[in-house]
Amino acid sequence: MPFREFAVRPIGLFVFTVGGHVSISFMRNPPTFDDPSVSDSGPAACNPGWDCAYFGTYSYEQSASAWTTKVMGGNIPSYIGRDQLRSFALDGDTMTISSSYEVDGVKFSGKRILKRAPR
């Protein structure tokens, strides 16, 4: 599985409900289409090479400044049915998420910086 590049300023939406549900979606900005022959008129047009999305329930671990998502579905098959732990730090309306993972024996680590959407 190739490493997915999301460019310098990916866009997306992370939604956490009071009831413990989460939906996460982010993509390359601007998006680029790998196959121009695919019509964008239906579900077959989804392009997981530049769009990641998953949803489930979450629990918050205050002592570790982290949350765990129990993934119920999404377009990342290896996440479905598994827990995803994310460490974070808050500074006003900014959340910095730190994560690391391994793909085919290669370790990756990174940070995502999120800004609270205007109300």
C-alpha atoms as a PDB file:
ATOM      1  CA  MET A   1       0.000   0.000   0.000  1.00  0.00           C
ATOM      2  CA  PRO A   2       1.612   3.308  -1.025  1.00  0.00           C
ATOM      3  CA  PHE A   3       1.957   6.191   1.393  1.00  0.00           C
ATOM      4  CA  ARG A   4      -0.806   8.711   0.754  1.00  0.00           C
ATOM      5  CA  GLU A   5       0.271  12.289   0.272  1.00  0.00           C
ATOM      6  CA  PHE A   6      -2.230  14.930   1.335  1.00  0.00           C
ATOM      7  CA  ALA A   7      -0.213  17.993   0.256  1.00  0.00           C
ATOM      8  CA  VAL A   8       0.684  20.931   2.429  1.00  0.00           C
ATOM      9  CA  ARG A   9      -2.789  22.063   3.549  1.00  0.00           C
ATOM     10  CA  PRO A  10      -5.279  19.191   3.482  1.00  0.00           C
ATOM     11  CA  ILE A  11      -8.921  19.976   4.206  1.00  0.00           C
ATOM     12  CA  GLY A  12     -11.459  18.039   6.201  1.00  0.00           C
ATOM     13  CA  LEU A  13     -13.867  17.812   9.052  1.00  0.00           C
ATOM     14  CA  PHE A  14     -13.618  16.032  12.403  1.00  0.00           C
ATOM     15  CA  VAL A  15     -16.981  15.827  14.199  1.00  0.00           C
ATOM     16  CA  PHE A  16     -17.274  14.656  17.828  1.00  0.00           C
ATOM     17  CA  THR A  17     -20.759  14.406  19.342  1.00  0.00           C
ATOM     18  CA  VAL A  18     -21.622  14.719  23.010  1.00  0.00           C
ATOM     19  CA  GLY A  19     -23.117  11.209  22.727  1.00  0.00           C
ATOM     20  CA  GLY A  20     -19.713   9.676  21.913  1.00  0.00           C
ATOM     21  CA  HIS A  21     -19.806   9.377  18.110  1.00  0.00           C
ATOM     22  CA  VAL A  22     -17.089  10.616  15.772  1.00  0.00           C
ATOM     23  CA  SER A  23     -16.823  11.121  12.028  1.00  0.00           C
ATOM     24  CA  ILE A  24     -13.485  12.001  10.438  1.00  0.00           C
ATOM     25  CA  SER A  25     -12.922  12.962   6.822  1.00  0.00           C
ATOM     26  CA  PHE A  26      -9.954  14.675   5.202  1.00  0.00           C
ATOM     27  CA  MET A  27      -8.527  15.004   1.719  1.00  0.00           C
ATOM     28  CA  ARG A  28      -5.834  16.532  -0.427  1.00  0.00           C
ATOM     29  CA  ASN A  29      -6.268  20.232  -1.122  1.00  0.00           C
ATOM     30  CA  PRO A  30      -6.791  20.804  -3.936  1.00  0.00           C
ATOM     31  CA  PRO A  31      -7.934  17.309  -4.819  1.00  0.00           C
ATOM     32  CA  THR A  32      -6.397  15.640  -7.861  1.00  0.00           C
ATOM     33  CA  PHE A  33      -8.023  12.833  -9.763  1.00  0.00           C
ATOM     34  CA  ASP A  34      -5.864   9.803 -10.499  1.00  0.00           C
ATOM     35  CA  ASP A  35      -8.131   8.499 -13.256  1.00  0.00           C
ATOM     36  CA  PRO A  36      -9.752  11.156 -15.465  1.00  0.00           C
ATOM     37  CA  SER A  37     -11.915   8.489 -17.143  1.00  0.00           C
ATOM     38  CA  VAL A  38     -13.974   8.014 -13.964  1.00  0.00           C
ATOM     39  CA  SER A  39     -17.198  10.004 -13.930  1.00  0.00           C
ATOM     40  CA  ASP A  40     -17.844  12.036 -10.792  1.00  0.00           C
ATOM     41  CA  SER A  41     -21.596  11.375 -10.881  1.00  0.00           C
ATOM     42  CA  GLY A  42     -21.894   8.492  -8.414  1.00  0.00           C
ATOM     43  CA  PRO A  43     -20.373   6.426  -5.629  1.00  0.00           C
ATOM     44  CA  ALA A  44     -17.919   4.760  -8.023  1.00  0.00           C
ATOM     45  CA  ALA A  45     -16.209   8.143  -8.291  1.00  0.00           C
ATOM     46  CA  CYS A  46     -14.814   7.897  -4.741  1.00  0.00           C
ATOM     47  CA  ASN A  47     -11.046   8.038  -4.857  1.00  0.00           C
ATOM     48  CA  PRO A  48      -9.483   6.658  -1.675  1.00  0.00           C
ATOM     49  CA  GLY A  49      -6.002   7.637  -2.844  1.00  0.00           C
ATOM     50  CA  TRP A  50      -6.576  11.226  -1.738  1.00  0.00           C
ATOM     51  CA  ASP A  51      -9.591  10.991   0.555  1.00  0.00           C
ATOM     52  CA  CYS A  52      -9.684   9.286   3.958  1.00  0.00           C
ATOM     53  CA  ALA A  53     -12.863   8.928   5.979  1.00  0.00           C
ATOM     54  CA  TYR A  54     -13.987   6.805   8.901  1.00  0.00           C
ATOM     55  CA  PHE A  55     -16.544   6.879  11.691  1.00  0.00           C
ATOM     56  CA  GLY A  56     -17.382   5.147  14.942  1.00  0.00           C
ATOM     57  CA  THR A  57     -17.527   5.837  18.640  1.00  0.00           C
ATOM     58  CA  TYR A  58     -14.860   7.481  20.743  1.00  0.00           C
ATOM     59  CA  SER A  59     -13.666   7.612  24.321  1.00  0.00           C
ATOM     60  CA  TYR A  60     -11.597  10.422  25.790  1.00  0.00           C
ATOM     61  CA  GLU A  61      -8.586   9.736  28.002  1.00  0.00           C
ATOM     62  CA  GLN A  62      -7.966  12.995  29.857  1.00  0.00           C
ATOM     63  CA  SER A  63      -4.841  11.806  31.676  1.00  0.00           C
ATOM     64  CA  ALA A  64      -3.174  10.950  28.361  1.00  0.00           C
ATOM     65  CA  SER A  65      -4.600  13.861  26.320  1.00  0.00           C
ATOM     66  CA  ALA A  66      -5.826  11.286  23.824  1.00  0.00           C
ATOM     67  CA  TRP A  67      -8.955   9.777  22.352  1.00  0.00           C
ATOM     68  CA  THR A  68      -9.610   6.306  21.002  1.00  0.00           C
ATOM     69  CA  THR A  69     -11.953   5.764  18.074  1.00  0.00           C
ATOM     70  CA  LYS A  70     -13.624   2.351  17.789  1.00  0.00           C
ATOM     71  CA  VAL A  71     -13.926   2.346  13.998  1.00  0.00           C
ATOM     72  CA  MET A  72     -17.239   1.026  12.656  1.00  0.00           C
ATOM     73  CA  GLY A  73     -16.767   1.880   8.976  1.00  0.00           C
ATOM     74  CA  GLY A  74     -14.863   3.914   6.430  1.00  0.00           C
ATOM     75  CA  ASN A  75     -12.655   3.693   3.382  1.00  0.00           C
ATOM     76  CA  ILE A  76      -9.554   2.502   5.260  1.00  0.00           C
ATOM     77  CA  PRO A  77     -10.157  -1.262   5.453  1.00  0.00           C
ATOM     78  CA  SER A  78      -7.427  -1.911   8.043  1.00  0.00           C
ATOM     79  CA  TYR A  79      -9.143   0.486  10.504  1.00  0.00           C
ATOM     80  CA  ILE A  80     -12.588  -1.159  10.449  1.00  0.00           C
ATOM     81  CA  GLY A  81     -13.318  -3.012  13.682  1.00  0.00           C
ATOM     82  CA  ARG A  82     -10.141  -1.750  15.316  1.00  0.00           C
ATOM     83  CA  ASP A  83      -9.247   0.974  17.810  1.00  0.00           C
ATOM     84  CA  GLN A  84      -7.374   4.065  16.646  1.00  0.00           C
ATOM     85  CA  LEU A  85      -5.566   6.014  19.385  1.00  0.00           C
ATOM     86  CA  ARG A  86      -4.751   9.676  18.744  1.00  0.00           C
ATOM     87  CA  SER A  87      -2.761  11.920  21.082  1.00  0.00           C
ATOM     88  CA  PHE A  88      -3.539  15.614  20.942  1.00  0.00           C
ATOM     89  CA  ALA A  89      -2.884  19.017  22.469  1.00  0.00           C
ATOM     90  CA  LEU A  90      -5.334  21.924  22.636  1.00  0.00           C
ATOM     91  CA  ASP A  91      -4.415  25.592  22.427  1.00  0.00           C
ATOM     92  CA  GLY A  92      -7.490  27.797  22.197  1.00  0.00           C
ATOM     93  CA  ASP A  93      -9.301  26.895  18.960  1.00  0.00           C
ATOM     94  CA  THR A  94      -6.384  24.803  17.658  1.00  0.00           C
ATOM     95  CA  MET A  95      -5.955  21.036  18.114  1.00  0.00           C
ATOM     96  CA  THR A  96      -2.639  19.397  17.217  1.00  0.00           C
ATOM     97  CA  ILE A  97      -2.927  15.637  16.681  1.00  0.00           C
ATOM     98  CA  SER A  98       0.180  13.457  16.789  1.00  0.00           C
ATOM     99  CA  SER A  99       0.156  10.002  15.274  1.00  0.00           C
ATOM    100  CA  SER A 100       2.485   7.328  14.013  1.00  0.00           C
ATOM    101  CA  TYR A 101       1.891   4.150  12.062  1.00  0.00           C
ATOM    102  CA  GLU A 102       3.659   1.525  10.007  1.00  0.00           C
ATOM    103  CA  VAL A 103       3.005   0.479   6.406  1.00  0.00           C
ATOM    104  CA  ASP A 104       4.874  -2.477   4.940  1.00  0.00           C
ATOM    105  CA  GLY A 105       7.604  -2.173   7.559  1.00  0.00           C
ATOM    106  CA  VAL A 106       8.098   1.572   7.049  1.00  0.00           C
ATOM    107  CA  LYS A 107       7.312   3.816  10.035  1.00  0.00           C
ATOM    108  CA  PHE A 108       5.596   7.160   9.528  1.00  0.00           C
ATOM    109  CA  SER A 109       4.822   9.874  12.038  1.00  0.00           C
ATOM    110  CA  GLY A 110       3.143  13.190  11.647  1.00  0.00           C
ATOM    111  CA  LYS A 111       1.023  15.954  13.060  1.00  0.00           C
ATOM    112  CA  ARG A 112      -2.286  17.346  11.949  1.00  0.00           C
ATOM    113  CA  ILE A 113      -3.212  20.851  13.015  1.00  0.00           C
ATOM    114  CA  LEU A 114      -6.951  21.487  13.161  1.00  0.00           C
ATOM    115  CA  LYS A 115      -8.775  24.786  13.599  1.00  0.00           C
ATOM    116  CA  ARG A 116     -12.248  24.947  15.166  1.00  0.00           C
ATOM    117  CA  ALA A 117     -14.892  25.780  12.577  1.00  0.00           C
ATOM    118  CA  PRO A 118     -16.597  29.156  13.012  1.00  0.00           C
ATOM    119  CA  ARG A 119     -19.961  28.957  14.740  1.00  0.00           C
END
